[in-house]
Every structure is written in C-alpha cells, then in structure tokens.
Amino acid sequence: MTPTTVPPLLLRRAAHLATMAPGNAAELRDATLVIRGPVVEWLGPDTELPEALLDEARSTGRVIDASGLVLMPGLVNTHHHMFQTLTRALPGAQDAGLFAWLRTHYPVWARLTPEMLATSTQLAAAELLLSGVTTSSDHAYLFPNGCTLDDTLHAVEATGLRFHAARGAMSVGESAGGLPPDAVVEREPDILADSERLIARWHDPDRLAMRRIVLAPCSPFSVSPGLMRDAALLARQYPGVHLHTHLAENDHDITYTRERFGCTPDEYAEQLGWLGPDVWHAHCVKLAPAGIARFAASGTGVAHCPGSNMRLGSGIAPIRAMVDAGVPVSVAVDGSASNDASHGLAELRLALLLQRVALGAEAFGVREMLALGTRGGARVLGRDDAIGHLAPGMAADLIGVRLDRLALAGAQHDPLAALLLCAVPQVDLSVVHGRICVEGGELQTLELQALVARHNRLAGLLRSQV
C-alpha cells in the first residue's frame, strides 16, 4: 500500500486545537485534523475541511468525534532513567541529596537483570504515554548481569512511544576517584565498541525515525575525560547521533569538577567537545551566567528536571535566564527514583510553578511552558523538523484531553491553559506516528494491569536480593 492510498484517520471538530507552530502558534476551535500514515495531512476549521477527505475517511478510514477534546502536539521528554521505576520511594534514599541518593541505589541497581530492565522500561513508557508524552529519551547507564540497551529498545517498540535510547556508561569507580562502586563500571573500550554496535543495529537517521541512538557517558564523577572525548568523536561520525550527560546538577557536582578538573562544569564540557547543537545536558541547576552564555553561543541544549531537582534538594535551574539568552531548553521527568513519577503534564506544571516561586507570577506563561514541552524538546533532540508542532507533513504525534473531566471543571474559557494550571490526571487520546496508543483514557498497546503486576513482582525481587 502506497502512502497516498493509506486510509485517513480524521479527528473531527475538536473543541480546541493548539498547533504550537513556531512563530504562529495557531489555536483553533471547532477544528479538524486529518492523519494519513505517520503524518498530518490537513488541519484547520471544520468548515474548511475538504469534502473529499471526509468522504474518504468515512468510506475507507476512520472518523473520531473530537468535539469534547482539547488537542495539542505530544510532549517531548528529554531525560529519563526508566529502569528506576523499580526503586521508587526506596527506604534510605527518601531524604538524601544526589550523591548519598546514588550511593544508596547503586548496590540495588547492580542486581538488575535483562527482564527487570525491559519490564521497567515498558512500564515507564506506558506512564509517559498516559500522561501526554509521545517522544522520550532514556538514559540507561549501567548494564549488569547481561543487560544491554537492546533490552530497552525491544521493550519500547511494543508500546508505540517514539524513542531516543541513550547508551549511558560509567567507567571510573571509587578506587579511581569516582562515585560509583567498582563493581558497576565498565571498561572504556567495551563501552565504545558496544556504542558502535548499537548505532549500526538500531539508529535511524531518517526524519520521521521512531528510534535513535544517543551516546551518553553518565557524568563527570563517573567517567573519564578520555571517554567523553572518544564518545563525542564516535557520535559525530554518524548523522543524527547526539550526545547527552548530566551536568552542574548541584553544589557537590560543582565542587567535584573544580577539585578534580580545575574548572567549572561548562568549561569542562567545552574542553571535551561537549558543546554544540548535537549535545544536551540534564539539569544545569548550577549553571552560572558565563556557562549560560557558552550554551547559548554554541546551541547546546538543556533538559530541565524540576521534580527531581526539588526531590533531591538540588535547587532551581535558571531556565528563565537560559531561554532569554537563547539556550535550547526542554522539560523532562528524570528518573523515577529521583522524581518518583513519570508524568509529562505534571512535570510541565512543576516547571511552571517552580519558576514562579523563584521569580514571581509573571516568570513564565502557560503557553511558553507548553512550547518548551513540545517544540523545545524537539529542538533539544534535533527533531524539530518532524515533531514538536502540528502542521501538514509533520509527524502525527498528538494528545487529547476531555474537557468534561473533573479536573477541568470550570476551566472551559481557556482549556489549553487548564492543562497546566489544573492537575490533569492523564490524557484521553494519544497518537504517535499515526498510531492510536491511548484511546478513551486506556492504553491500547499493552495490557496494563499484567504489566504492573509483573513489574511489582520484579521490584520486590530486586529489593529482597540486596
């Protein structure tokens, strides 16, 4: 079947449609959107819908009544550790800062198995889809007991989520001055060889790719400068392979980099070739004005993780200053053991409110924050040519929320703003690459209760073995 003969999917007469298009963030009422295959074919006021498209959808495709929905592009989550869903609310780490939190978790994570890695990844993907995310990256950085990044890639394929799999790594253990135990680090030649294997096996540089590989040595306190340089050189041999790591997350992170490398984290990144539009860093809570200027000048991206930063007491990232300077900024849920949730819309709400705590009620508007969660995420991942806003030819990645939900009662005068100012428990519709993944508030791609039961059994087994 050729693309022109793929039956259309028509979402008709949406109560509110926000395209989030750059420079022209059109918002339409009583709007219709036509999907053909993986892309948007047409959108606009229902009164302007071509009769031929409506007839075709009625005869060979599908027409969905969207009159009770607010529609917008799916969210783009740019930083996660999906395996950490297995260790949410772990005793001993509930009130710890970053370094103590990590030291508590490392011995538990060292018992991960391939089944645990795959199941936790799938559960996190389900949680993201139900909370408005249609594209996510995931940073897996330790691979004990035969685990590989392939386990996460196979697991996500079944969910329908668009996926950027980051091959993380730790190579500097405690005996060499790093933070992680020696038992969970890898040899650097093995890391680079596996990274190259994964690119050859999984990476898709095409514009509408459903999966891409990212090279992601974990952090300045767990890998060597040599691995950072080598990873950057390797990634830049392949189109669309980007770079990702943690940077300037809290005061201890700053102190470690200054004492070990004699510079600030942003200076360290610059020395190693880790600035540029193909690089994004998680957190950057402690990025100083000079660092913000470096990021802006080089087009280096930031994944802002407000829930995790609050949970670990790391601080408030200066994303208002970053955006004003021209830094590409996105919003991310981070790991589900430092946030204990993977809720896309809720994370954007936290980002909005946290900036207002720091800077006042006018610090960020709702629509500007929604732009960071959609177009901003797409830009940071290097995908703004395909995802992040809705227009003909763009990927058919979108979400819908019913306006008659309890959480939105009384917010009909601005339903788009209500998605963040109110607490929306989950989305009612999610379409990724033209495929319906959530409909009627139910996940369509997996049997959710069976997944939760399997995940909880494995989480208990993981904890009991420590």
Protein backbone atom coordinates (compact mmCIF):
# COMPACT_ATOMS: atom_id res chain seq x y z
CA MET A 1 0.00 0.00 0.00
CA THR A 2 1.49 3.34 -1.04
CA PRO A 3 1.33 6.37 1.28
CA THR A 4 -1.32 8.02 -0.90
CA THR A 5 -3.65 5.03 -0.51
CA VAL A 6 -3.29 4.67 3.28
CA PRO A 7 -6.77 5.27 4.72
CA PRO A 8 -7.03 8.56 6.62
CA LEU A 9 -7.74 8.97 10.32
CA LEU A 10 -9.87 12.04 10.91
CA LEU A 11 -10.21 13.79 14.28
CA ARG A 12 -13.26 15.95 13.75
CA ARG A 13 -14.45 19.15 15.37
CA ALA A 14 -12.04 19.36 18.27
CA ALA A 15 -13.22 21.83 20.87
CA HIS A 16 -9.76 23.39 20.93
CA LEU A 17 -6.72 22.62 18.75
CA ALA A 18 -3.34 24.16 19.57
CA THR A 19 -0.77 23.50 16.85
CA MET A 20 2.18 25.07 18.77
CA ALA A 21 3.58 26.02 15.37
CA PRO A 22 6.71 28.21 15.63
CA GLY A 23 6.08 31.86 15.01
CA ASN A 24 2.40 31.18 14.53
CA ALA A 25 1.10 29.18 17.47
CA ALA A 26 -2.37 28.86 15.96
CA GLU A 27 -5.22 27.90 18.27
CA LEU A 28 -8.43 26.86 16.59
CA ARG A 29 -11.88 25.99 17.87
CA ASP A 30 -14.18 23.51 16.16
CA ALA A 31 -11.12 22.27 14.29
CA THR A 32 -10.46 19.10 12.35
CA LEU A 33 -7.19 17.25 11.82
CA VAL A 34 -6.56 14.60 9.18
CA ILE A 35 -3.81 11.98 9.61
CA ARG A 36 -2.56 9.77 6.82
CA GLY A 37 0.02 7.16 7.74
CA PRO A 38 2.60 8.65 10.09
CA VAL A 39 1.98 12.33 9.22
CA VAL A 40 -0.57 15.11 9.44
CA GLU A 41 -2.18 15.67 6.05
CA TRP A 42 -4.53 18.56 6.81
CA LEU A 43 -5.76 20.66 9.71
CA GLY A 44 -7.99 23.67 10.04
CA PRO A 45 -11.50 24.84 10.85
CA ASP A 46 -14.03 22.09 10.30
CA THR A 47 -15.96 24.38 7.96
CA GLU A 48 -12.97 24.31 5.59
CA LEU A 49 -12.46 20.52 5.62
CA PRO A 50 -12.32 19.27 2.00
CA GLU A 51 -15.40 17.15 1.35
CA ALA A 52 -13.28 14.55 -0.44
CA LEU A 53 -11.22 13.90 2.71
CA LEU A 54 -14.34 13.49 4.82
CA ASP A 55 -15.90 11.10 2.30
CA GLU A 56 -12.70 9.07 2.08
CA ALA A 57 -12.39 8.79 5.85
CA ARG A 58 -16.00 7.70 6.16
CA SER A 59 -15.67 5.05 3.46
CA THR A 60 -12.15 3.63 3.95
CA GLY A 61 -10.66 5.18 7.09
CA ARG A 62 -11.94 6.26 10.48
CA VAL A 63 -13.64 9.37 11.82
CA ILE A 64 -13.29 10.14 15.55
CA ASP A 65 -15.59 12.66 17.20
CA ALA A 66 -13.15 15.03 18.92
CA SER A 67 -15.76 17.59 19.92
CA GLY A 68 -15.09 17.07 23.62
CA LEU A 69 -11.31 17.26 23.36
CA VAL A 70 -8.54 19.82 23.53
CA LEU A 71 -5.82 18.63 21.13
CA MET A 72 -2.16 19.60 21.02
CA PRO A 73 1.20 18.10 19.96
CA GLY A 74 2.53 15.31 22.14
CA LEU A 75 5.11 16.23 24.76
CA VAL A 76 8.80 15.51 24.20
CA ASN A 77 10.58 14.18 27.30
CA THR A 78 14.34 14.69 27.08
CA HIS A 79 15.75 12.96 30.18
CA HIS A 80 14.75 9.79 31.97
CA HIS A 81 16.13 6.67 33.65
CA MET A 82 13.30 4.26 33.05
CA PHE A 83 14.86 1.38 34.99
CA GLN A 84 14.45 3.44 38.15
CA THR A 85 10.70 2.74 38.26
CA LEU A 86 11.81 -0.41 40.13
CA THR A 87 13.18 1.61 43.06
CA ARG A 88 10.66 4.35 43.69
CA ALA A 89 10.44 5.60 47.29
CA LEU A 90 13.37 3.39 48.30
CA PRO A 91 13.95 3.43 52.08
CA GLY A 92 17.25 5.01 52.97
CA ALA A 93 17.18 7.38 50.00
CA GLN A 94 13.93 9.22 50.58
CA ASP A 95 15.58 12.20 52.27
CA ALA A 96 19.01 12.10 50.61
CA GLY A 97 20.79 14.56 48.34
CA LEU A 98 22.19 13.48 44.99
CA PHE A 99 25.46 11.79 45.97
CA ALA A 100 24.03 9.99 49.03
CA TRP A 101 20.97 9.06 46.98
CA LEU A 102 23.18 7.49 44.30
CA ARG A 103 25.32 5.59 46.82
CA THR A 104 22.17 4.10 48.34
CA HIS A 105 20.84 2.96 44.96
CA TYR A 106 23.99 1.63 43.26
CA PRO A 107 24.04 -1.72 45.17
CA VAL A 108 20.35 -2.26 44.36
CA TRP A 109 20.72 -1.43 40.67
CA ALA A 110 23.71 -3.78 40.46
CA ARG A 111 21.19 -6.65 40.70
CA LEU A 112 19.27 -5.64 37.58
CA THR A 113 18.50 -8.43 35.10
CA PRO A 114 17.50 -8.13 31.44
CA GLU A 115 13.89 -8.92 32.37
CA MET A 116 13.90 -6.20 35.01
CA LEU A 117 15.40 -3.67 32.62
CA ALA A 118 12.87 -4.46 29.88
CA THR A 119 9.85 -4.51 32.18
CA SER A 120 10.73 -1.27 33.97
CA THR A 121 11.33 0.45 30.64
CA GLN A 122 7.97 -0.69 29.34
CA LEU A 123 6.19 0.46 32.48
CA ALA A 124 7.81 3.91 32.29
CA ALA A 125 6.87 4.20 28.62
CA ALA A 126 3.25 3.38 29.48
CA GLU A 127 3.23 6.02 32.21
CA LEU A 128 4.63 8.60 29.80
CA LEU A 129 2.10 7.83 27.08
CA LEU A 130 -0.80 8.11 29.51
CA SER A 131 0.49 11.47 30.75
CA GLY A 132 0.93 13.16 27.38
CA VAL A 133 4.44 12.21 26.21
CA THR A 134 4.78 10.87 22.66
CA THR A 135 8.59 11.06 22.33
CA SER A 136 11.08 10.26 25.08
CA SER A 137 14.76 9.75 25.57
CA ASP A 138 16.01 7.26 28.15
CA HIS A 139 19.44 7.26 29.76
CA ALA A 140 20.42 3.73 30.84
CA TYR A 141 23.93 3.82 32.29
CA LEU A 142 24.66 0.52 34.00
CA PHE A 143 24.39 -2.92 32.46
CA PRO A 144 24.93 -5.71 34.99
CA ASN A 145 24.09 -9.40 34.63
CA GLY A 146 23.83 -9.47 30.86
CA CYS A 147 21.68 -6.34 30.47
CA THR A 148 22.08 -4.38 27.24
CA LEU A 149 20.46 -1.32 25.74
CA ASP A 150 18.74 -3.68 23.31
CA ASP A 151 16.51 -4.77 26.21
CA THR A 152 15.07 -1.26 26.44
CA LEU A 153 14.71 -0.85 22.68
CA HIS A 154 12.79 -4.10 22.23
CA ALA A 155 10.58 -3.24 25.20
CA VAL A 156 9.63 0.22 23.93
CA GLU A 157 8.80 -0.98 20.42
CA ALA A 158 5.69 -2.70 21.74
CA THR A 159 4.40 0.47 23.45
CA GLY A 160 4.35 2.75 20.40
CA LEU A 161 6.44 5.51 22.03
CA ARG A 162 8.90 7.41 19.82
CA PHE A 163 12.25 6.69 21.45
CA HIS A 164 15.78 8.06 21.78
CA ALA A 165 17.82 5.39 23.58
CA ALA A 166 20.88 6.87 25.28
CA ARG A 167 23.76 4.42 25.75
CA GLY A 168 24.99 5.59 29.11
CA ALA A 169 28.15 4.37 30.82
CA MET A 170 30.19 4.56 33.99
CA SER A 171 33.91 3.82 33.78
CA VAL A 172 35.50 5.48 36.83
CA GLY A 173 34.76 3.65 40.08
CA GLU A 174 35.51 4.52 43.69
CA SER A 175 39.05 3.15 43.56
CA ALA A 176 39.87 5.65 40.80
CA GLY A 177 38.22 8.62 42.48
CA GLY A 178 34.74 8.27 41.02
CA LEU A 179 31.41 7.95 42.80
CA PRO A 180 30.05 4.54 41.69
CA PRO A 181 31.30 1.24 43.14
CA ASP A 182 33.92 -0.51 41.04
CA ALA A 183 31.50 -3.42 40.55
CA VAL A 184 29.17 -1.40 38.31
CA VAL A 185 31.69 0.29 35.98
CA GLU A 186 32.73 -0.91 32.52
CA ARG A 187 35.95 -0.90 30.52
CA GLU A 188 36.05 2.07 28.17
CA PRO A 189 36.98 0.06 25.05
CA ASP A 190 33.94 -2.15 25.70
CA ILE A 191 31.69 0.90 26.09
CA LEU A 192 32.81 2.37 22.78
CA ALA A 193 32.56 -0.96 20.95
CA ASP A 194 29.03 -1.52 22.23
CA SER A 195 28.07 2.05 21.32
CA GLU A 196 29.19 1.49 17.75
CA ARG A 197 27.31 -1.84 17.64
CA LEU A 198 24.10 -0.17 18.83
CA ILE A 199 24.35 2.59 16.24
CA ALA A 200 24.74 0.02 13.47
CA ARG A 201 21.88 -2.11 14.79
CA TRP A 202 19.28 0.43 15.88
CA HIS A 203 19.96 4.03 14.84
CA ASP A 204 17.64 5.54 12.25
CA PRO A 205 18.70 9.00 10.98
CA ASP A 206 15.55 9.46 8.87
CA ARG A 207 13.38 12.48 9.54
CA LEU A 208 10.42 10.51 10.91
CA ALA A 209 12.51 7.92 12.74
CA MET A 210 10.85 6.08 15.61
CA ARG A 211 14.16 5.25 17.27
CA ARG A 212 17.58 6.83 17.52
CA ILE A 213 20.73 6.11 19.49
CA VAL A 214 22.38 8.70 21.73
CA LEU A 215 25.86 8.38 23.29
CA ALA A 216 25.68 9.33 26.95
CA PRO A 217 28.61 8.80 29.35
CA CYS A 218 26.90 9.31 32.68
CA SER A 219 28.52 12.27 34.46
CA PRO A 220 31.82 13.99 35.28
CA PHE A 221 32.04 11.96 38.51
CA SER A 222 31.64 8.55 36.85
CA VAL A 223 33.57 8.63 33.55
CA SER A 224 36.98 9.83 32.39
CA PRO A 225 37.67 12.84 30.18
CA GLY A 226 39.05 10.39 27.63
CA LEU A 227 35.75 8.55 27.33
CA MET A 228 33.90 11.83 26.94
CA ARG A 229 36.19 12.87 24.09
CA ASP A 230 36.05 9.47 22.40
CA ALA A 231 32.27 9.30 22.66
CA ALA A 232 31.96 12.72 21.02
CA LEU A 233 34.28 11.72 18.19
CA LEU A 234 32.34 8.49 17.64
CA ALA A 235 28.91 10.13 17.68
CA ARG A 236 29.92 12.73 15.15
CA GLN A 237 30.79 10.05 12.61
CA TYR A 238 27.08 9.28 12.24
CA PRO A 239 24.23 11.60 11.19
CA GLY A 240 21.66 12.15 13.89
CA VAL A 241 23.62 10.54 16.75
CA HIS A 242 23.61 13.09 19.56
CA LEU A 243 25.38 13.38 22.91
CA HIS A 244 23.91 13.59 26.39
CA THR A 245 25.10 13.64 30.01
CA HIS A 246 24.40 15.11 33.46
CA LEU A 247 25.98 18.47 34.24
CA ALA A 248 26.05 21.02 37.07
CA GLU A 249 23.24 19.32 38.96
CA ASN A 250 24.05 20.51 42.49
CA ASP A 251 26.75 22.10 44.64
CA HIS A 252 28.60 18.80 45.14
CA ASP A 253 28.72 18.37 41.38
CA ILE A 254 30.36 21.80 41.01
CA THR A 255 32.86 21.08 43.81
CA TYR A 256 33.83 17.71 42.33
CA THR A 257 34.50 19.19 38.88
CA ARG A 258 36.52 22.09 40.28
CA GLU A 259 38.63 19.90 42.56
CA ARG A 260 39.25 17.10 40.04
CA PHE A 261 39.49 19.02 36.77
CA GLY A 262 40.24 22.58 37.89
CA CYS A 263 37.34 24.19 36.07
CA THR A 264 33.58 24.70 36.07
CA PRO A 265 31.31 22.03 34.53
CA ASP A 266 30.59 24.12 31.44
CA GLU A 267 34.32 24.78 30.93
CA TYR A 268 34.91 21.04 31.29
CA ALA A 269 32.26 20.33 28.65
CA GLU A 270 33.81 22.87 26.30
CA GLN A 271 37.30 21.36 26.69
CA LEU A 272 35.98 17.90 25.78
CA GLY A 273 33.95 18.91 22.71
CA TRP A 274 30.67 18.61 24.57
CA LEU A 275 29.11 21.85 23.40
CA GLY A 276 27.07 22.22 20.24
CA PRO A 277 23.60 21.73 18.77
CA ASP A 278 24.12 17.94 18.86
CA VAL A 279 24.63 17.99 22.66
CA TRP A 280 22.21 18.38 25.53
CA HIS A 281 22.87 18.27 29.26
CA ALA A 282 20.48 17.29 32.04
CA HIS A 283 19.79 19.63 34.97
CA CYS A 284 22.28 22.53 34.78
CA VAL A 285 20.82 23.79 38.06
CA LYS A 286 24.10 25.50 38.95
CA LEU A 287 24.99 26.82 35.51
CA ALA A 288 26.42 30.32 36.04
CA PRO A 289 25.91 33.26 33.65
CA ALA A 290 29.18 32.51 31.85
CA GLY A 291 28.02 28.94 31.29
CA ILE A 292 24.65 30.09 30.04
CA ALA A 293 26.45 32.31 27.54
CA ARG A 294 28.57 29.34 26.38
CA PHE A 295 25.49 27.19 25.89
CA ALA A 296 23.66 29.92 24.01
CA ALA A 297 26.56 30.68 21.69
CA SER A 298 27.05 27.01 20.83
CA GLY A 299 23.40 25.95 20.66
CA THR A 300 23.88 23.42 23.46
CA GLY A 301 20.62 22.14 24.94
CA VAL A 302 19.36 21.69 28.49
CA ALA A 303 16.88 19.20 29.93
CA HIS A 304 15.23 20.90 32.92
CA CYS A 305 14.05 18.36 35.53
CA PRO A 306 12.13 20.31 38.18
CA GLY A 307 10.62 17.36 40.06
CA SER A 308 13.96 15.66 40.57
CA ASN A 309 15.70 18.92 41.46
CA MET A 310 13.07 19.57 44.11
CA ARG A 311 13.06 15.98 45.41
CA LEU A 312 16.85 15.91 45.87
CA GLY A 313 17.08 19.50 47.10
CA SER A 314 19.39 20.45 44.24
CA GLY A 315 17.98 23.91 43.62
CA ILE A 316 16.07 25.81 40.94
CA ALA A 317 17.59 25.85 37.47
CA PRO A 318 17.83 29.32 35.90
CA ILE A 319 15.78 28.42 32.85
CA ARG A 320 14.28 31.92 32.52
CA ALA A 321 17.79 33.27 32.01
CA MET A 322 18.63 30.39 29.69
CA VAL A 323 15.60 30.93 27.46
CA ASP A 324 16.20 34.67 27.36
CA ALA A 325 19.82 34.06 26.33
CA GLY A 326 18.79 31.70 23.53
CA VAL A 327 19.70 28.35 25.10
CA PRO A 328 17.58 25.47 23.74
CA VAL A 329 15.59 24.39 26.82
CA SER A 330 13.30 21.40 27.32
CA VAL A 331 11.50 19.82 30.27
CA ALA A 332 11.99 16.24 31.48
CA VAL A 333 10.72 13.92 34.20
CA ASP A 334 14.18 12.46 35.07
CA GLY A 335 14.47 9.07 36.73
CA SER A 336 11.52 7.58 38.52
CA ALA A 337 13.51 7.13 41.73
CA SER A 338 14.58 10.78 41.98
CA ASN A 339 11.18 12.09 40.95
CA ASP A 340 9.08 9.01 41.73
CA ALA A 341 6.79 9.87 38.82
CA SER A 342 6.97 9.89 35.03
CA HIS A 343 4.07 12.26 34.36
CA GLY A 344 4.66 14.55 31.42
CA LEU A 345 1.93 17.14 32.01
CA ALA A 346 2.58 17.20 35.75
CA GLU A 347 6.27 17.87 35.14
CA LEU A 348 5.48 20.87 32.96
CA ARG A 349 3.19 22.15 35.69
CA LEU A 350 6.02 21.80 38.23
CA ALA A 351 8.37 23.67 35.90
CA LEU A 352 5.87 26.50 35.52
CA LEU A 353 5.19 26.82 39.25
CA LEU A 354 8.82 26.46 40.32
CA GLN A 355 9.95 29.32 38.12
CA ARG A 356 7.19 31.45 39.61
CA VAL A 357 8.38 30.57 43.12
CA ALA A 358 11.83 31.83 42.17
CA LEU A 359 10.94 34.83 40.02
CA GLY A 360 7.31 35.79 40.52
CA ALA A 361 3.97 35.07 38.91
CA GLU A 362 4.97 36.55 35.56
CA ALA A 363 8.15 34.50 35.19
CA PHE A 364 6.63 32.07 32.70
CA GLY A 365 3.31 31.96 30.89
CA VAL A 366 1.46 28.72 30.31
CA ARG A 367 1.83 28.76 26.55
CA GLU A 368 5.54 29.47 26.77
CA MET A 369 5.98 26.48 29.07
CA LEU A 370 3.92 24.27 26.75
CA ALA A 371 6.24 25.36 23.96
CA LEU A 372 9.23 24.14 25.98
CA GLY A 373 7.48 20.81 26.47
CA THR A 374 6.79 20.38 22.75
CA ARG A 375 8.91 22.44 20.35
CA GLY A 376 11.62 22.89 22.98
CA GLY A 377 12.02 19.17 23.48
CA ALA A 378 12.02 18.54 19.75
CA ARG A 379 14.75 21.16 19.24
CA VAL A 380 16.91 19.72 22.01
CA LEU A 381 16.70 16.24 20.47
CA GLY A 382 17.39 17.60 16.99
CA ARG A 383 13.90 16.63 15.81
CA ASP A 384 12.14 19.96 15.32
CA ASP A 385 11.88 19.24 11.61
CA ALA A 386 9.46 16.38 12.34
CA ILE A 387 7.94 16.62 15.82
CA GLY A 388 7.01 19.29 18.37
CA HIS A 389 4.24 21.06 16.48
CA LEU A 390 1.34 20.13 14.24
CA ALA A 391 1.27 21.07 10.56
CA PRO A 392 0.81 19.24 7.26
CA GLY A 393 3.81 16.98 6.71
CA MET A 394 4.80 16.90 10.38
CA ALA A 395 4.65 13.67 12.37
CA ALA A 396 1.19 12.70 13.59
CA ASP A 397 2.16 12.85 17.28
CA LEU A 398 -0.61 14.42 19.34
CA ILE A 399 -2.59 14.17 22.54
CA GLY A 400 -6.15 14.95 23.57
CA VAL A 401 -7.77 15.65 26.93
CA ARG A 402 -11.51 15.64 27.54
CA LEU A 403 -12.92 18.95 28.69
CA ASP A 404 -15.60 17.32 30.83
CA ARG A 405 -13.02 15.82 33.22
CA LEU A 406 -13.48 16.63 36.90
CA ALA A 407 -10.05 18.29 36.98
CA LEU A 408 -11.07 20.75 34.22
CA ALA A 409 -14.49 21.71 35.55
CA GLY A 410 -14.78 25.50 35.45
CA ALA A 411 -11.83 25.96 33.07
CA GLN A 412 -13.70 25.94 29.76
CA HIS A 413 -12.82 29.58 28.96
CA ASP A 414 -9.13 28.59 28.36
CA PRO A 415 -8.80 24.81 28.11
CA LEU A 416 -5.21 24.95 26.88
CA ALA A 417 -4.06 26.87 29.93
CA ALA A 418 -6.04 24.48 32.09
CA LEU A 419 -3.81 21.60 31.01
CA LEU A 420 -1.05 23.06 33.20
CA LEU A 421 -2.82 25.29 35.71
CA CYS A 422 -5.13 22.42 36.66
CA ALA A 423 -3.92 18.95 37.64
CA VAL A 424 -4.86 16.66 34.75
CA PRO A 425 -4.55 13.01 35.83
CA GLN A 426 -3.97 11.61 32.34
CA VAL A 427 -4.73 12.11 28.68
CA ASP A 428 -7.71 10.58 26.93
CA LEU A 429 -6.11 10.26 23.49
CA SER A 430 -2.53 9.77 22.31
CA VAL A 431 -1.46 9.26 18.72
CA VAL A 432 2.18 8.52 17.86
CA HIS A 433 3.40 8.23 14.26
CA GLY A 434 -0.26 7.98 13.23
CA ARG A 435 -0.95 5.05 15.59
CA ILE A 436 -3.52 5.37 18.38
CA CYS A 437 -1.71 4.41 21.58
CA VAL A 438 -4.24 5.76 24.10
CA GLU A 439 -7.97 5.99 23.44
CA GLY A 440 -10.74 6.66 25.91
CA GLY A 441 -8.05 7.07 28.56
CA GLU A 442 -6.96 3.44 28.09
CA LEU A 443 -3.57 2.26 26.84
CA GLN A 444 -4.14 0.38 23.59
CA THR A 445 -0.71 -1.15 23.02
CA LEU A 446 -0.20 -3.17 26.22
CA GLU A 447 -2.23 -4.98 28.87
CA LEU A 448 -1.51 -2.55 31.66
CA GLN A 449 -2.56 -4.48 34.75
CA ALA A 450 -0.49 -7.50 33.77
CA LEU A 451 2.49 -5.22 33.20
CA VAL A 452 2.09 -3.54 36.60
CA ALA A 453 1.83 -6.92 38.34
CA ARG A 454 4.97 -8.23 36.64
CA HIS A 455 6.83 -5.01 37.39
CA ASN A 456 5.90 -5.07 41.08
CA ARG A 457 6.98 -8.69 41.40
CA LEU A 458 10.38 -7.86 39.88
CA ALA A 459 10.76 -4.72 42.01
CA GLY A 460 10.21 -6.82 45.14
CA LEU A 461 12.69 -9.41 43.95
CA LEU A 462 15.30 -6.75 43.21
CA ARG A 463 14.99 -5.20 46.66
CA SER A 464 14.94 -8.53 48.51
CA GLN A 465 18.25 -9.61 46.99
CA VAL A 466 20.29 -6.70 48.36
